[in-house]
Protein backbone atom coordinates (compact mmCIF):
# COMPACT_ATOMS: atom_id res chain seq x y z
CA MET A 1 43.16 154.01 117.79
CA PHE A 2 44.14 156.86 115.17
CA GLU A 3 45.57 158.73 118.31
CA PHE A 4 47.28 155.82 119.32
CA PHE A 5 48.79 155.55 116.00
CA LYS A 6 49.45 159.22 115.64
CA MET A 7 51.25 159.51 118.78
CA GLY A 8 53.58 156.37 117.77
CA ALA A 9 54.56 158.13 114.77
CA SER A 10 55.86 160.92 116.52
CA VAL A 11 59.53 160.93 116.08
CA SER A 12 59.91 162.24 119.67
CA ASN A 13 58.11 159.39 121.01
CA PHE A 14 61.61 157.17 120.44
CA HIS A 15 62.54 158.87 123.75
CA ASP A 16 59.86 158.27 125.88
CA PHE A 17 60.52 155.79 128.48
CA SER A 18 57.09 156.01 130.81
CA ILE A 19 55.70 152.89 131.96
CA LEU A 20 52.80 153.75 129.60
CA ALA A 21 54.87 154.12 126.55
CA SER A 22 56.76 150.64 127.20
CA LEU A 23 53.81 148.53 127.63
CA SER A 24 52.05 150.16 124.76
CA ARG A 25 55.03 149.18 122.58
CA LEU A 26 55.25 145.50 124.03
CA GLY A 27 51.93 144.91 124.20
CA PHE A 28 51.35 145.98 120.54
CA SER A 29 54.17 144.04 119.75
CA PHE A 30 52.59 140.79 121.36
CA VAL A 31 49.42 141.47 119.63
CA LEU A 32 50.91 140.95 116.36
CA THR A 33 53.15 138.17 116.71
CA LEU A 34 50.26 136.20 118.63
CA PHE A 35 48.49 136.92 115.04
CA LEU A 36 51.49 135.69 113.34
CA SER A 37 51.90 132.13 115.64
CA PHE A 38 48.02 131.34 115.20
CA ALA A 39 48.76 131.89 111.41
CA TYR A 40 51.94 129.83 111.69
CA LYS A 41 49.63 127.09 113.66
CA SER A 42 46.73 127.02 110.88
CA LEU A 43 49.47 126.37 108.48
CA HIS A 44 51.68 124.30 109.92
CA SER A 45 50.05 122.44 112.88
CA ASP A 46 51.00 118.82 111.85
CA LYS A 47 54.71 119.51 112.18
CA GLU A 48 55.65 118.30 115.62
CA ASP A 49 57.69 120.74 116.92
CA CYS A 50 54.43 123.65 115.77
CA HIS A 51 54.24 124.95 119.55
CA VAL A 52 58.31 125.60 119.88
CA ILE A 53 58.01 128.03 116.90
CA MET A 54 54.97 129.94 117.58
CA HIS A 55 56.41 130.51 121.12
CA SER A 56 59.85 131.50 119.45
CA ILE A 57 57.64 133.96 117.14
CA ILE A 58 56.28 135.90 120.04
CA TYR A 59 59.04 135.34 122.02
CA VAL A 60 61.60 137.29 119.53
CA GLY A 61 58.97 139.89 118.23
CA VAL A 62 58.48 141.05 121.98
CA ILE A 63 62.15 141.10 122.61
CA MET A 64 63.05 143.10 119.68
CA THR A 65 60.74 145.51 120.57
CA GLY A 66 62.44 145.82 123.81
CA ALA A 67 65.91 145.75 122.67
CA MET A 68 65.25 148.64 119.77
CA MET A 69 63.42 150.55 122.43
CA MET A 70 67.43 151.08 124.00
CA ILE A 71 68.82 151.18 120.89
CA ALA A 72 66.68 153.86 119.15
CA SER A 73 68.05 156.61 121.70
CA ASN A 74 71.52 155.67 122.60
CA MET A 75 74.37 154.78 120.26
CA VAL A 76 76.75 153.60 122.85
CA VAL A 77 73.68 151.24 124.12
CA ALA A 78 73.35 149.60 120.30
CA PHE A 79 76.79 148.89 120.01
CA GLY A 80 77.04 147.59 123.69
CA LEU A 81 73.89 145.03 122.82
CA ILE A 82 75.67 144.36 119.41
CA GLY A 83 78.81 143.08 121.67
CA ALA A 84 76.90 141.31 124.18
CA VAL A 85 74.80 139.50 121.22
CA SER A 86 77.78 138.62 119.32
CA ILE A 87 79.25 136.51 122.58
CA VAL A 88 75.89 134.57 122.66
CA ARG A 89 76.52 130.82 120.51
CA PHE A 90 72.89 129.93 118.99
CA ARG A 91 73.36 125.71 118.12
CA THR A 92 69.73 125.61 117.44
CA ALA A 93 69.19 125.05 113.55
CA VAL A 94 65.79 126.26 112.24
CA ARG A 95 65.16 123.63 110.02
CA SER A 96 62.74 125.07 107.40
CA THR A 97 62.97 128.08 105.62
CA ILE A 98 59.49 128.88 106.19
CA ASP A 99 59.96 128.69 109.96
CA MET A 100 63.09 131.39 109.30
CA SER A 101 60.59 133.53 107.15
CA PHE A 102 57.86 133.83 110.19
CA LEU A 103 60.95 134.44 112.81
CA PHE A 104 62.40 137.25 110.72
CA LEU A 105 58.85 138.60 109.97
CA SER A 106 58.37 138.55 113.81
CA ILE A 107 61.79 140.26 114.10
CA VAL A 108 60.75 143.42 111.76
CA VAL A 109 57.32 143.57 113.59
CA GLY A 110 59.38 143.82 117.08
CA ILE A 111 61.50 146.34 115.45
CA SER A 112 58.43 148.34 113.91
CA CYS A 113 56.96 148.37 117.34
CA GLY A 114 60.18 149.18 119.35
CA LEU A 115 60.31 152.41 117.28
CA ALA A 116 56.83 153.38 117.61
CA PHE A 117 55.55 152.28 113.47
CA TYR A 118 52.54 151.10 114.61
CA ILE A 119 50.96 151.49 111.18
CA HIS A 120 53.56 149.74 109.15
CA ALA A 121 53.95 146.90 112.10
CA THR A 122 50.28 146.51 111.58
CA VAL A 123 50.31 146.60 107.97
CA LEU A 124 53.05 144.39 107.63
CA ALA A 125 51.39 141.61 109.67
CA LEU A 126 48.42 141.68 108.11
CA PHE A 127 49.70 141.50 104.71
CA LEU A 128 52.20 138.97 104.99
CA GLY A 129 49.91 136.70 107.10
CA ILE A 130 46.97 137.19 104.27
CA LEU A 131 49.50 136.14 101.59
CA MET A 132 51.08 132.98 103.43
CA PHE A 133 47.12 131.97 103.94
CA ILE A 134 46.62 132.86 100.02
CA LEU A 135 49.79 130.97 98.70
CA ASN A 136 49.14 128.24 100.98
CA LYS A 137 45.55 127.70 99.69
CA PHE A 138 46.45 127.38 96.50
CA SER A 139 49.62 125.27 97.28
CA PHE A 140 51.66 127.72 94.71
CA GLY A 141 54.69 126.18 93.67
CA MET A 142 53.53 122.48 94.82
CA SER A 143 53.98 119.69 92.70
CA PRO A 144 51.22 116.83 93.39
CA PRO A 145 52.61 114.43 95.45
CA SER A 146 53.52 111.27 93.53
CA VAL A 147 52.07 108.82 96.32
CA LEU A 148 49.46 109.65 99.14
CA HIS A 149 50.16 108.63 102.41
CA PHE A 150 47.52 107.31 104.87
CA GLU A 151 46.94 105.61 108.21
CA VAL A 152 44.60 102.29 108.81
CA SER A 153 43.48 101.59 111.99
CA MET A 154 41.41 98.45 112.50
CA SER A 155 40.25 96.63 114.96
CA PHE A 156 38.93 93.19 115.13
CA SER A 157 37.72 90.47 118.17
CA LYS A 158 39.43 87.92 119.45
CA LYS A 159 37.30 85.43 119.74
CA HIS A 160 36.80 85.51 116.14
CA PHE A 161 40.79 85.34 115.69
CA GLN A 162 42.24 82.96 113.23
CA PRO A 163 46.01 82.12 113.84
CA ASP A 164 46.71 83.23 109.90
CA SER A 165 44.81 86.33 110.14
CA LEU A 166 47.81 88.83 111.44
CA ASP A 167 50.30 86.56 109.16
CA ARG A 168 47.93 87.54 105.88
CA LEU A 169 47.86 91.08 107.19
CA LYS A 170 51.57 91.49 107.43
CA VAL A 171 52.19 90.04 103.90
CA PHE A 172 49.11 92.35 102.57
CA VAL A 173 50.74 95.72 104.56
CA GLY A 174 54.46 94.86 103.45
CA GLU A 175 53.59 95.02 99.65
CA ALA A 176 53.17 98.77 100.01
CA SER A 177 54.07 99.88 103.44
CA SER A 178 55.13 99.24 107.10
CA MET A 179 52.94 98.08 110.29
CA LEU A 180 53.09 100.62 113.16
CA GLU A 181 51.27 99.26 116.25
CA VAL A 182 49.48 96.21 117.24
CA ARG A 183 48.11 96.06 120.43
CA SER A 184 45.73 93.84 122.74
CA SER A 185 42.53 95.90 124.57
CA GLY A 186 39.83 93.50 126.58
CA LYS A 187 38.23 91.47 123.86
CA LYS A 188 39.84 93.47 121.29
CA VAL A 189 42.96 93.73 118.96
CA LYS A 190 43.95 96.75 117.51
CA VAL A 191 46.46 97.19 114.27
CA LYS A 192 47.62 100.21 113.14
CA PHE A 193 49.79 101.13 110.16
CA ASP A 194 51.04 103.17 107.01
CA TYR A 195 49.90 102.40 103.51
CA HIS A 196 51.06 104.49 100.48
CA LEU A 197 48.91 104.58 97.49
CA PRO A 198 49.16 106.39 93.89
CA ASN A 199 45.76 107.83 94.32
CA THR A 200 42.45 107.63 96.01
CA ASN A 201 41.13 104.90 93.98
CA GLU A 202 42.68 102.02 95.40
CA VAL A 203 41.65 102.45 98.98
CA SER A 204 38.20 100.59 98.70
CA GLU A 205 40.98 98.19 97.83
CA ILE A 206 42.05 98.03 100.95
CA TYR A 207 39.01 97.88 102.15
CA GLU A 208 38.17 94.69 100.75
CA ARG A 209 41.21 93.02 101.02
CA ILE A 210 40.80 93.55 105.05
CA GLU A 211 37.29 92.58 105.09
CA GLU A 212 38.36 89.11 102.84
CA ILE A 213 41.28 88.53 105.73
CA PHE A 214 38.78 89.09 108.66
CA ARG A 215 35.43 87.45 106.81
CA HIS A 216 34.89 85.37 109.76
CA ASP A 217 34.43 88.62 112.49
CA PRO A 218 31.12 90.63 112.46
CA SER A 219 33.15 93.37 114.77
CA LEU A 220 35.56 94.23 112.28
CA ASP A 221 36.04 97.97 112.45
CA VAL A 222 38.26 99.63 109.56
CA THR A 223 39.07 103.35 109.88
CA ILE A 224 41.11 104.65 106.65
CA ARG A 225 42.75 108.13 107.11
CA LYS A 226 44.85 110.55 104.83
CA LYS A 227 47.74 111.71 106.31
C-alpha cells in the first residue's frame, strides 16, 4: 500500500494516462467519496432527499478526479473545460449549507485523487468525516428545542367504537397538534397524529387521556415515538 502512495506522490505520474493509472485514481476517489456518502447518511438519514445527496457526493468526486486528470497535463484542455462548464446552467439549489460542505469536500477529495495526492485525499476524508461525527455527537452550537415533536399511533376495535370517541380525540389533538391519518383496516381503526410537547414528562399524560377516551376498548394499542 505504501508503494501505491509513493507512486501517486510522484509528479511524473500526473501525465500517466494508462488504463491502470486512470482506474486507480477513479477507484480511489470512489472509495473515499463512498465513505463520505455513508458518513452523510449516518448524520442526516432523516432527510427526504438523503439518497440524492449521497449519490451526488460520489458522482461529483469521481467526475472531478477525471477532470483533473485531463487538466493537470494540458492548459489548453483546462481552459476548454472551464469554457464548457461556464455554458452549463445549474438550476438546482442546495438548501443546506451542511449539504454544500459535503459536496465541496467531495470536490476537493476528487481533485486530490485526480492529481494522485492519495495520502492528502485519505487524510482529508478521514479527518473531516471524524470531525463531523464528533460535532454532531455533541450537538455543537445547537440550542435545545423549545418544543419536542412526537408521533402518536393508535389502533382500536370497530366493535367497541363509540360515535363520540373520534370527536373527543380530535378535540384533544387540536389542542397541541394536528391529525395525520385515520384509516380503517379489517376490524381495526388506526389513527396517527403529530403532537408537540415542551418536555418528555408529559408523554404519560397523553397515554392517560387516550386511555380515558377509549377506556371501553380492551384492544386499544398506543405507540408514541419521538421524531
